[in-house]
Amino acid sequence: MSDVDLSKLRKWIGKAKQIGEPPTRESTSQRPDHGRDALVQFNVKVSAAVKKRAKQLAARDDIQLGMLVERMLDLYEKEYGALTDTTRKHR
């Protein structure tokens, strides 16, 4: 083994001892739970231009793409009407 200066390593390990407990899951949740359904994957194919517009809009408004889709659906339903039977499950 080579001669290594352990003083720097001791200082680094000492810093780790000063760290407190990690935050709780509830305190770090990014979005509040409003009784919404569980999140699922939603994959669609769109043109590169549509993808770019969606990402830019989400970035501009500092929201996630999923929130942008939710808002788009809300506006669509306002314009064209909401579904009448949302209890049926579709694939």
PDB file of N, CA and C in Angstrom:
ATOM      1  N   MET A   1       0.831  -1.182   0.000  1.00  0.00           N
ATOM      2  CA  MET A   1       0.000   0.000   0.000  1.00  0.00           C
ATOM      3  C   MET A   1       0.871   1.239   0.000  1.00  0.00           C
ATOM      4  N   SER A   2       0.327   2.286  -0.563  1.00  0.00           N
ATOM      5  CA  SER A   2       1.067   3.543  -0.606  1.00  0.00           C
ATOM      6  C   SER A   2       0.754   4.350   0.645  1.00  0.00           C
ATOM      7  N   ASP A   3       1.633   5.284   0.921  1.00  0.00           N
ATOM      8  CA  ASP A   3       1.405   6.178   2.060  1.00  0.00           C
ATOM      9  C   ASP A   3       0.337   7.193   1.676  1.00  0.00           C
ATOM     10  N   VAL A   4      -0.755   7.225   2.437  1.00  0.00           N
ATOM     11  CA  VAL A   4      -1.873   8.113   2.149  1.00  0.00           C
ATOM     12  C   VAL A   4      -2.113   8.989   3.358  1.00  0.00           C
ATOM     13  N   ASP A   5      -2.371  10.271   3.089  1.00  0.00           N
ATOM     14  CA  ASP A   5      -2.688  11.207   4.163  1.00  0.00           C
ATOM     15  C   ASP A   5      -4.153  11.004   4.546  1.00  0.00           C
ATOM     16  N   LEU A   6      -4.407  10.399   5.696  1.00  0.00           N
ATOM     17  CA  LEU A   6      -5.759  10.089   6.139  1.00  0.00           C
ATOM     18  C   LEU A   6      -6.454  11.264   6.818  1.00  0.00           C
ATOM     19  N   SER A   7      -5.744  12.365   7.034  1.00  0.00           N
ATOM     20  CA  SER A   7      -6.363  13.497   7.725  1.00  0.00           C
ATOM     21  C   SER A   7      -7.528  14.066   6.907  1.00  0.00           C
ATOM     22  N   LYS A   8      -7.371  14.109   5.580  1.00  0.00           N
ATOM     23  CA  LYS A   8      -8.460  14.617   4.743  1.00  0.00           C
ATOM     24  C   LYS A   8      -9.653  13.669   4.789  1.00  0.00           C
ATOM     25  N   LEU A   9      -9.392  12.389   4.804  1.00  0.00           N
ATOM     26  CA  LEU A   9     -10.467  11.408   4.866  1.00  0.00           C
ATOM     27  C   LEU A   9     -11.196  11.505   6.204  1.00  0.00           C
ATOM     28  N   ARG A  10     -10.480  11.707   7.287  1.00  0.00           N
ATOM     29  CA  ARG A  10     -11.109  11.841   8.595  1.00  0.00           C
ATOM     30  C   ARG A  10     -12.013  13.075   8.648  1.00  0.00           C
ATOM     31  N   LYS A  11     -11.573  14.172   8.052  1.00  0.00           N
ATOM     32  CA  LYS A  11     -12.403  15.376   8.004  1.00  0.00           C
ATOM     33  C   LYS A  11     -13.685  15.107   7.220  1.00  0.00           C
ATOM     34  N   TRP A  12     -13.552  14.404   6.109  1.00  0.00           N
ATOM     35  CA  TRP A  12     -14.714  14.097   5.276  1.00  0.00           C
ATOM     36  C   TRP A  12     -15.695  13.184   6.010  1.00  0.00           C
ATOM     37  N   ILE A  13     -15.204  12.159   6.671  1.00  0.00           N
ATOM     38  CA  ILE A  13     -16.065  11.244   7.434  1.00  0.00           C
ATOM     39  C   ILE A  13     -16.711  11.984   8.596  1.00  0.00           C
ATOM     40  N   GLY A  14     -16.003  12.899   9.201  1.00  0.00           N
ATOM     41  CA  GLY A  14     -16.546  13.680  10.304  1.00  0.00           C
ATOM     42  C   GLY A  14     -17.748  14.510   9.882  1.00  0.00           C
ATOM     43  N   LYS A  15     -17.739  15.002   8.648  1.00  0.00           N
ATOM     44  CA  LYS A  15     -18.877  15.775   8.149  1.00  0.00           C
ATOM     45  C   LYS A  15     -20.120  14.904   8.049  1.00  0.00           C
ATOM     46  N   ALA A  16     -19.961  13.662   7.694  1.00  0.00           N
ATOM     47  CA  ALA A  16     -21.105  12.766   7.550  1.00  0.00           C
ATOM     48  C   ALA A  16     -21.786  12.523   8.892  1.00  0.00           C
ATOM     49  N   LYS A  17     -21.052  12.548   9.950  1.00  0.00           N
ATOM     50  CA  LYS A  17     -21.628  12.330  11.272  1.00  0.00           C
ATOM     51  C   LYS A  17     -22.536  13.483  11.690  1.00  0.00           C
ATOM     52  N   GLN A  18     -22.379  14.655  11.088  1.00  0.00           N
ATOM     53  CA  GLN A  18     -23.149  15.832  11.478  1.00  0.00           C
ATOM     54  C   GLN A  18     -24.516  15.885  10.801  1.00  0.00           C
ATOM     55  N   ILE A  19     -24.763  15.045   9.846  1.00  0.00           N
ATOM     56  CA  ILE A  19     -26.024  15.071   9.110  1.00  0.00           C
ATOM     57  C   ILE A  19     -27.125  14.478   9.975  1.00  0.00           C
ATOM     58  N   GLY A  20     -28.281  15.142   9.982  1.00  0.00           N
ATOM     59  CA  GLY A  20     -29.404  14.682  10.782  1.00  0.00           C
ATOM     60  C   GLY A  20     -30.211  13.608  10.064  1.00  0.00           C
ATOM     61  N   GLU A  21     -31.392  13.362  10.567  1.00  0.00           N
ATOM     62  CA  GLU A  21     -32.290  12.362   9.987  1.00  0.00           C
ATOM     63  C   GLU A  21     -32.817  12.840   8.637  1.00  0.00           C
ATOM     64  N   PRO A  22     -33.068  11.922   7.726  1.00  0.00           N
ATOM     65  CA  PRO A  22     -33.638  12.330   6.441  1.00  0.00           C
ATOM     66  C   PRO A  22     -35.060  12.840   6.619  1.00  0.00           C
ATOM     67  N   PRO A  23     -35.544  13.682   5.694  1.00  0.00           N
ATOM     68  CA  PRO A  23     -36.917  14.195   5.810  1.00  0.00           C
ATOM     69  C   PRO A  23     -37.926  13.083   5.580  1.00  0.00           C
ATOM     70  N   THR A  24     -39.124  13.269   6.112  1.00  0.00           N
ATOM     71  CA  THR A  24     -40.166  12.277   5.921  1.00  0.00           C
ATOM     72  C   THR A  24     -40.704  12.362   4.501  1.00  0.00           C
ATOM     73  N   ARG A  25     -41.337  11.301   4.060  1.00  0.00           N
ATOM     74  CA  ARG A  25     -41.904  11.267   2.718  1.00  0.00           C
ATOM     75  C   ARG A  25     -42.966  12.351   2.552  1.00  0.00           C
ATOM     76  N   GLU A  26     -43.753  12.583   3.603  1.00  0.00           N
ATOM     77  CA  GLU A  26     -44.817  13.576   3.534  1.00  0.00           C
ATOM     78  C   GLU A  26     -44.259  14.987   3.356  1.00  0.00           C
ATOM     79  N   SER A  27     -43.132  15.261   3.988  1.00  0.00           N
ATOM     80  CA  SER A  27     -42.583  16.607   3.915  1.00  0.00           C
ATOM     81  C   SER A  27     -41.878  16.880   2.591  1.00  0.00           C
ATOM     82  N   THR A  28     -41.566  15.839   1.825  1.00  0.00           N
ATOM     83  CA  THR A  28     -40.860  16.036   0.566  1.00  0.00           C
ATOM     84  C   THR A  28     -41.740  15.815  -0.650  1.00  0.00           C
ATOM     85  N   SER A  29     -42.999  15.536  -0.449  1.00  0.00           N
ATOM     86  CA  SER A  29     -43.891  15.300  -1.578  1.00  0.00           C
ATOM     87  C   SER A  29     -43.969  16.545  -2.441  1.00  0.00           C
ATOM     88  N   GLN A  30     -43.745  16.387  -3.759  1.00  0.00           N
ATOM     89  CA  GLN A  30     -43.746  17.526  -4.667  1.00  0.00           C
ATOM     90  C   GLN A  30     -45.148  18.006  -4.971  1.00  0.00           C
ATOM     91  N   ARG A  31     -46.092  17.120  -5.009  1.00  0.00           N
ATOM     92  CA  ARG A  31     -47.454  17.554  -5.313  1.00  0.00           C
ATOM     93  C   ARG A  31     -48.374  17.065  -4.206  1.00  0.00           C
ATOM     94  N   PRO A  32     -49.269  17.917  -3.795  1.00  0.00           N
ATOM     95  CA  PRO A  32     -50.186  17.525  -2.722  1.00  0.00           C
ATOM     96  C   PRO A  32     -51.138  16.434  -3.195  1.00  0.00           C
ATOM     97  N   ASP A  33     -51.531  15.584  -2.284  1.00  0.00           N
ATOM     98  CA  ASP A  33     -52.476  14.515  -2.597  1.00  0.00           C
ATOM     99  C   ASP A  33     -53.886  15.062  -2.471  1.00  0.00           C
ATOM    100  N   HIS A  34     -54.570  15.161  -3.591  1.00  0.00           N
ATOM    101  CA  HIS A  34     -55.939  15.661  -3.603  1.00  0.00           C
ATOM    102  C   HIS A  34     -56.914  14.521  -3.861  1.00  0.00           C
ATOM    103  N   GLY A  35     -56.582  13.321  -3.411  1.00  0.00           N
ATOM    104  CA  GLY A  35     -57.460  12.184  -3.622  1.00  0.00           C
ATOM    105  C   GLY A  35     -57.472  11.731  -5.073  1.00  0.00           C
ATOM    106  N   ARG A  36     -56.421  12.002  -5.798  1.00  0.00           N
ATOM    107  CA  ARG A  36     -56.352  11.632  -7.202  1.00  0.00           C
ATOM    108  C   ARG A  36     -56.017  10.155  -7.350  1.00  0.00           C
ATOM    109  N   ASP A  37     -56.273   9.669  -8.545  1.00  0.00           N
ATOM    110  CA  ASP A  37     -55.919   8.289  -8.865  1.00  0.00           C
ATOM    111  C   ASP A  37     -54.404   8.122  -8.840  1.00  0.00           C
ATOM    112  N   ALA A  38     -53.981   6.878  -8.747  1.00  0.00           N
ATOM    113  CA  ALA A  38     -52.553   6.585  -8.798  1.00  0.00           C
ATOM    114  C   ALA A  38     -52.009   6.976 -10.172  1.00  0.00           C
ATOM    115  N   LEU A  39     -50.755   7.364 -10.214  1.00  0.00           N
ATOM    116  CA  LEU A  39     -50.137   7.742 -11.477  1.00  0.00           C
ATOM    117  C   LEU A  39     -49.821   6.500 -12.297  1.00  0.00           C
ATOM    118  N   VAL A  40     -50.063   6.592 -13.591  1.00  0.00           N
ATOM    119  CA  VAL A  40     -49.749   5.503 -14.517  1.00  0.00           C
ATOM    120  C   VAL A  40     -49.013   6.085 -15.714  1.00  0.00           C
ATOM    121  N   GLN A  41     -48.342   5.220 -16.442  1.00  0.00           N
ATOM    122  CA  GLN A  41     -47.620   5.633 -17.641  1.00  0.00           C
ATOM    123  C   GLN A  41     -48.607   5.962 -18.755  1.00  0.00           C
ATOM    124  N   PHE A  42     -48.351   7.029 -19.513  1.00  0.00           N
ATOM    125  CA  PHE A  42     -49.216   7.456 -20.609  1.00  0.00           C
ATOM    126  C   PHE A  42     -48.319   7.768 -21.802  1.00  0.00           C
ATOM    127  N   ASN A  43     -48.262   6.853 -22.756  1.00  0.00           N
ATOM    128  CA  ASN A  43     -47.381   7.014 -23.912  1.00  0.00           C
ATOM    129  C   ASN A  43     -48.190   7.282 -25.173  1.00  0.00           C
ATOM    130  N   VAL A  44     -47.829   8.316 -25.887  1.00  0.00           N
ATOM    131  CA  VAL A  44     -48.460   8.635 -27.168  1.00  0.00           C
ATOM    132  C   VAL A  44     -47.374   9.078 -28.141  1.00  0.00           C
ATOM    133  N   LYS A  45     -47.649   8.899 -29.412  1.00  0.00           N
ATOM    134  CA  LYS A  45     -46.729   9.386 -30.436  1.00  0.00           C
ATOM    135  C   LYS A  45     -47.275  10.703 -30.972  1.00  0.00           C
ATOM    136  N   VAL A  46     -46.425  11.725 -30.967  1.00  0.00           N
ATOM    137  CA  VAL A  46     -46.776  13.037 -31.506  1.00  0.00           C
ATOM    138  C   VAL A  46     -45.605  13.510 -32.361  1.00  0.00           C
ATOM    139  N   SER A  47     -45.857  14.522 -33.156  1.00  0.00           N
ATOM    140  CA  SER A  47     -44.780  15.072 -33.976  1.00  0.00           C
ATOM    141  C   SER A  47     -43.745  15.743 -33.076  1.00  0.00           C
ATOM    142  N   ALA A  48     -42.561  15.912 -33.622  1.00  0.00           N
ATOM    143  CA  ALA A  48     -41.486  16.562 -32.860  1.00  0.00           C
ATOM    144  C   ALA A  48     -41.880  17.985 -32.477  1.00  0.00           C
ATOM    145  N   ALA A  49     -42.620  18.651 -33.353  1.00  0.00           N
ATOM    146  CA  ALA A  49     -43.038  20.029 -33.070  1.00  0.00           C
ATOM    147  C   ALA A  49     -44.009  20.085 -31.900  1.00  0.00           C
ATOM    148  N   VAL A  50     -44.934  19.129 -31.824  1.00  0.00           N
ATOM    149  CA  VAL A  50     -45.892  19.092 -30.713  1.00  0.00           C
ATOM    150  C   VAL A  50     -45.165  18.795 -29.405  1.00  0.00           C
ATOM    151  N   LYS A  51     -44.233  17.863 -29.435  1.00  0.00           N
ATOM    152  CA  LYS A  51     -43.455  17.537 -28.232  1.00  0.00           C
ATOM    153  C   LYS A  51     -42.689  18.767 -27.742  1.00  0.00           C
ATOM    154  N   LYS A  52     -42.074  19.472 -28.685  1.00  0.00           N
ATOM    155  CA  LYS A  52     -41.299  20.659 -28.317  1.00  0.00           C
ATOM    156  C   LYS A  52     -42.203  21.730 -27.703  1.00  0.00           C
ATOM    157  N   ARG A  53     -43.365  21.974 -28.325  1.00  0.00           N
ATOM    158  CA  ARG A  53     -44.307  22.961 -27.794  1.00  0.00           C
ATOM    159  C   ARG A  53     -44.766  22.591 -26.389  1.00  0.00           C
ATOM    160  N   ALA A  54     -45.103  21.320 -26.191  1.00  0.00           N
ATOM    161  CA  ALA A  54     -45.586  20.872 -24.881  1.00  0.00           C
ATOM    162  C   ALA A  54     -44.502  21.058 -23.821  1.00  0.00           C
ATOM    163  N   LYS A  55     -43.276  20.675 -24.131  1.00  0.00           N
ATOM    164  CA  LYS A  55     -42.188  20.812 -23.161  1.00  0.00           C
ATOM    165  C   LYS A  55     -41.898  22.279 -22.863  1.00  0.00           C
ATOM    166  N   GLN A  56     -41.965  23.124 -23.892  1.00  0.00           N
ATOM    167  CA  GLN A  56     -41.710  24.543 -23.679  1.00  0.00           C
ATOM    168  C   GLN A  56     -42.808  25.187 -22.835  1.00  0.00           C
ATOM    169  N   LEU A  57     -44.064  24.810 -23.095  1.00  0.00           N
ATOM    170  CA  LEU A  57     -45.166  25.353 -22.291  1.00  0.00           C
ATOM    171  C   LEU A  57     -45.048  24.928 -20.835  1.00  0.00           C
ATOM    172  N   ALA A  58     -44.728  23.649 -20.621  1.00  0.00           N
ATOM    173  CA  ALA A  58     -44.578  23.151 -19.252  1.00  0.00           C
ATOM    174  C   ALA A  58     -43.422  23.867 -18.551  1.00  0.00           C
ATOM    175  N   ALA A  59     -42.322  24.056 -19.263  1.00  0.00           N
ATOM    176  CA  ALA A  59     -41.170  24.743 -18.667  1.00  0.00           C
ATOM    177  C   ALA A  59     -41.503  26.201 -18.374  1.00  0.00           C
ATOM    178  N   ARG A  60     -42.203  26.855 -19.302  1.00  0.00           N
ATOM    179  CA  ARG A  60     -42.568  28.252 -19.103  1.00  0.00           C
ATOM    180  C   ARG A  60     -43.408  28.439 -17.847  1.00  0.00           C
ATOM    181  N   ASP A  61     -44.353  27.518 -17.628  1.00  0.00           N
ATOM    182  CA  ASP A  61     -45.266  27.630 -16.496  1.00  0.00           C
ATOM    183  C   ASP A  61     -44.787  26.862 -15.274  1.00  0.00           C
ATOM    184  N   ASP A  62     -43.584  26.288 -15.372  1.00  0.00           N
ATOM    185  CA  ASP A  62     -42.966  25.543 -14.266  1.00  0.00           C
ATOM    186  C   ASP A  62     -43.885  24.444 -13.742  1.00  0.00           C
ATOM    187  N   ILE A  63     -44.401  23.632 -14.672  1.00  0.00           N
ATOM    188  CA  ILE A  63     -45.237  22.489 -14.315  1.00  0.00           C
ATOM    189  C   ILE A  63     -44.704  21.257 -15.024  1.00  0.00           C
ATOM    190  N   GLN A  64     -45.135  20.099 -14.577  1.00  0.00           N
ATOM    191  CA  GLN A  64     -44.736  18.855 -15.228  1.00  0.00           C
ATOM    192  C   GLN A  64     -45.644  18.597 -16.417  1.00  0.00           C
ATOM    193  N   LEU A  65     -45.155  17.769 -17.354  1.00  0.00           N
ATOM    194  CA  LEU A  65     -45.944  17.460 -18.538  1.00  0.00           C
ATOM    195  C   LEU A  65     -47.281  16.822 -18.179  1.00  0.00           C
ATOM    196  N   GLY A  66     -47.314  16.021 -17.142  1.00  0.00           N
ATOM    197  CA  GLY A  66     -48.562  15.395 -16.716  1.00  0.00           C
ATOM    198  C   GLY A  66     -49.605  16.428 -16.317  1.00  0.00           C
ATOM    199  N   MET A  67     -49.178  17.466 -15.632  1.00  0.00           N
ATOM    200  CA  MET A  67     -50.091  18.543 -15.251  1.00  0.00           C
ATOM    201  C   MET A  67     -50.578  19.282 -16.487  1.00  0.00           C
ATOM    202  N   LEU A  68     -49.702  19.472 -17.471  1.00  0.00           N
ATOM    203  CA  LEU A  68     -50.102  20.118 -18.714  1.00  0.00           C
ATOM    204  C   LEU A  68     -51.191  19.302 -19.412  1.00  0.00           C
ATOM    205  N   VAL A  69     -51.032  17.984 -19.444  1.00  0.00           N
ATOM    206  CA  VAL A  69     -52.038  17.116 -20.062  1.00  0.00           C
ATOM    207  C   VAL A  69     -53.366  17.228 -19.307  1.00  0.00           C
ATOM    208  N   GLU A  70     -53.317  17.249 -17.984  1.00  0.00           N
ATOM    209  CA  GLU A  70     -54.548  17.385 -17.190  1.00  0.00           C
ATOM    210  C   GLU A  70     -55.263  18.697 -17.516  1.00  0.00           C
ATOM    211  N   ARG A  71     -54.515  19.767 -17.598  1.00  0.00           N
ATOM    212  CA  ARG A  71     -55.115  21.068 -17.907  1.00  0.00           C
ATOM    213  C   ARG A  71     -55.686  21.084 -19.324  1.00  0.00           C
ATOM    214  N   MET A  72     -54.991  20.433 -20.257  1.00  0.00           N
ATOM    215  CA  MET A  72     -55.489  20.351 -21.628  1.00  0.00           C
ATOM    216  C   MET A  72     -56.812  19.596 -21.676  1.00  0.00           C
ATOM    217  N   LEU A  73     -56.908  18.511 -20.922  1.00  0.00           N
ATOM    218  CA  LEU A  73     -58.157  17.747 -20.884  1.00  0.00           C
ATOM    219  C   LEU A  73     -59.284  18.569 -20.276  1.00  0.00           C
ATOM    220  N   ASP A  74     -58.983  19.305 -19.220  1.00  0.00           N
ATOM    221  CA  ASP A  74     -60.006  20.164 -18.607  1.00  0.00           C
ATOM    222  C   ASP A  74     -60.538  21.188 -19.610  1.00  0.00           C
ATOM    223  N   LEU A  75     -59.633  21.825 -20.347  1.00  0.00           N
ATOM    224  CA  LEU A  75     -60.056  22.816 -21.332  1.00  0.00           C
ATOM    225  C   LEU A  75     -60.835  22.162 -22.475  1.00  0.00           C
ATOM    226  N   TYR A  76     -60.423  20.978 -22.884  1.00  0.00           N
ATOM    227  CA  TYR A  76     -61.124  20.257 -23.948  1.00  0.00           C
ATOM    228  C   TYR A  76     -62.558  19.931 -23.519  1.00  0.00           C
ATOM    229  N   GLU A  77     -62.701  19.473 -22.278  1.00  0.00           N
ATOM    230  CA  GLU A  77     -64.040  19.140 -21.775  1.00  0.00           C
ATOM    231  C   GLU A  77     -64.915  20.390 -21.642  1.00  0.00           C
ATOM    232  N   LYS A  78     -64.319  21.520 -21.294  1.00  0.00           N
ATOM    233  CA  LYS A  78     -65.097  22.756 -21.232  1.00  0.00           C
ATOM    234  C   LYS A  78     -65.613  23.137 -22.618  1.00  0.00           C
ATOM    235  N   GLU A  79     -64.777  22.937 -23.612  1.00  0.00           N
ATOM    236  CA  GLU A  79     -65.139  23.319 -24.979  1.00  0.00           C
ATOM    237  C   GLU A  79     -66.119  22.336 -25.625  1.00  0.00           C
ATOM    238  N   TYR A  80     -65.901  21.046 -25.435  1.00  0.00           N
ATOM    239  CA  TYR A  80     -66.673  20.033 -26.154  1.00  0.00           C
ATOM    240  C   TYR A  80     -67.540  19.156 -25.258  1.00  0.00           C
ATOM    241  N   GLY A  81     -67.528  19.397 -23.967  1.00  0.00           N
ATOM    242  CA  GLY A  81     -68.342  18.625 -23.038  1.00  0.00           C
ATOM    243  C   GLY A  81     -67.567  17.482 -22.401  1.00  0.00           C
ATOM    244  N   ALA A  82     -67.922  17.213 -21.165  1.00  0.00           N
ATOM    245  CA  ALA A  82     -67.264  16.137 -20.421  1.00  0.00           C
ATOM    246  C   ALA A  82     -67.895  14.795 -20.774  1.00  0.00           C
ATOM    247  N   LEU A  83     -67.217  13.737 -20.465  1.00  0.00           N
ATOM    248  CA  LEU A  83     -67.763  12.402 -20.664  1.00  0.00           C
ATOM    249  C   LEU A  83     -68.930  12.199 -19.715  1.00  0.00           C
ATOM    250  N   THR A  84     -69.943  11.499 -20.172  1.00  0.00           N
ATOM    251  CA  THR A  84     -71.109  11.288 -19.320  1.00  0.00           C
ATOM    252  C   THR A  84     -70.941  10.083 -18.413  1.00  0.00           C
ATOM    253  N   ASP A  85     -70.250   9.051 -18.875  1.00  0.00           N
ATOM    254  CA  ASP A  85     -70.063   7.841 -18.078  1.00  0.00           C
ATOM    255  C   ASP A  85     -68.573   7.581 -17.920  1.00  0.00           C
ATOM    256  N   THR A  86     -68.014   8.011 -16.799  1.00  0.00           N
ATOM    257  CA  THR A  86     -66.579   7.830 -16.573  1.00  0.00           C
ATOM    258  C   THR A  86     -66.290   6.618 -15.699  1.00  0.00           C
ATOM    259  N   THR A  87     -67.322   5.839 -15.344  1.00  0.00           N
ATOM    260  CA  THR A  87     -67.108   4.690 -14.463  1.00  0.00           C
ATOM    261  C   THR A  87     -66.655   3.466 -15.252  1.00  0.00           C
ATOM    262  N   ARG A  88     -66.931   3.423 -16.550  1.00  0.00           N
ATOM    263  CA  ARG A  88     -66.512   2.282 -17.358  1.00  0.00           C
ATOM    264  C   ARG A  88     -65.013   2.333 -17.549  1.00  0.00           C
ATOM    265  N   LYS A  89     -64.395   1.165 -17.495  1.00  0.00           N
ATOM    266  CA  LYS A  89     -62.937   1.111 -17.658  1.00  0.00           C
ATOM    267  C   LYS A  89     -62.612   0.703 -19.078  1.00  0.00           C
ATOM    268  N   HIS A  90     -61.724   1.463 -19.687  1.00  0.00           N
ATOM    269  CA  HIS A  90     -61.259   1.174 -21.030  1.00  0.00           C
ATOM    270  C   HIS A  90     -59.782   0.932 -20.984  1.00  0.00           C
ATOM    271  N   ARG A  91     -59.298   0.228 -21.985  1.00  0.00           N
ATOM    272  CA  ARG A  91     -57.862   0.017 -22.104  1.00  0.00           C
ATOM    273  C   ARG A  91     -57.237   1.113 -22.900  1.00  0.00           C
TER     274      ARG A  91
END
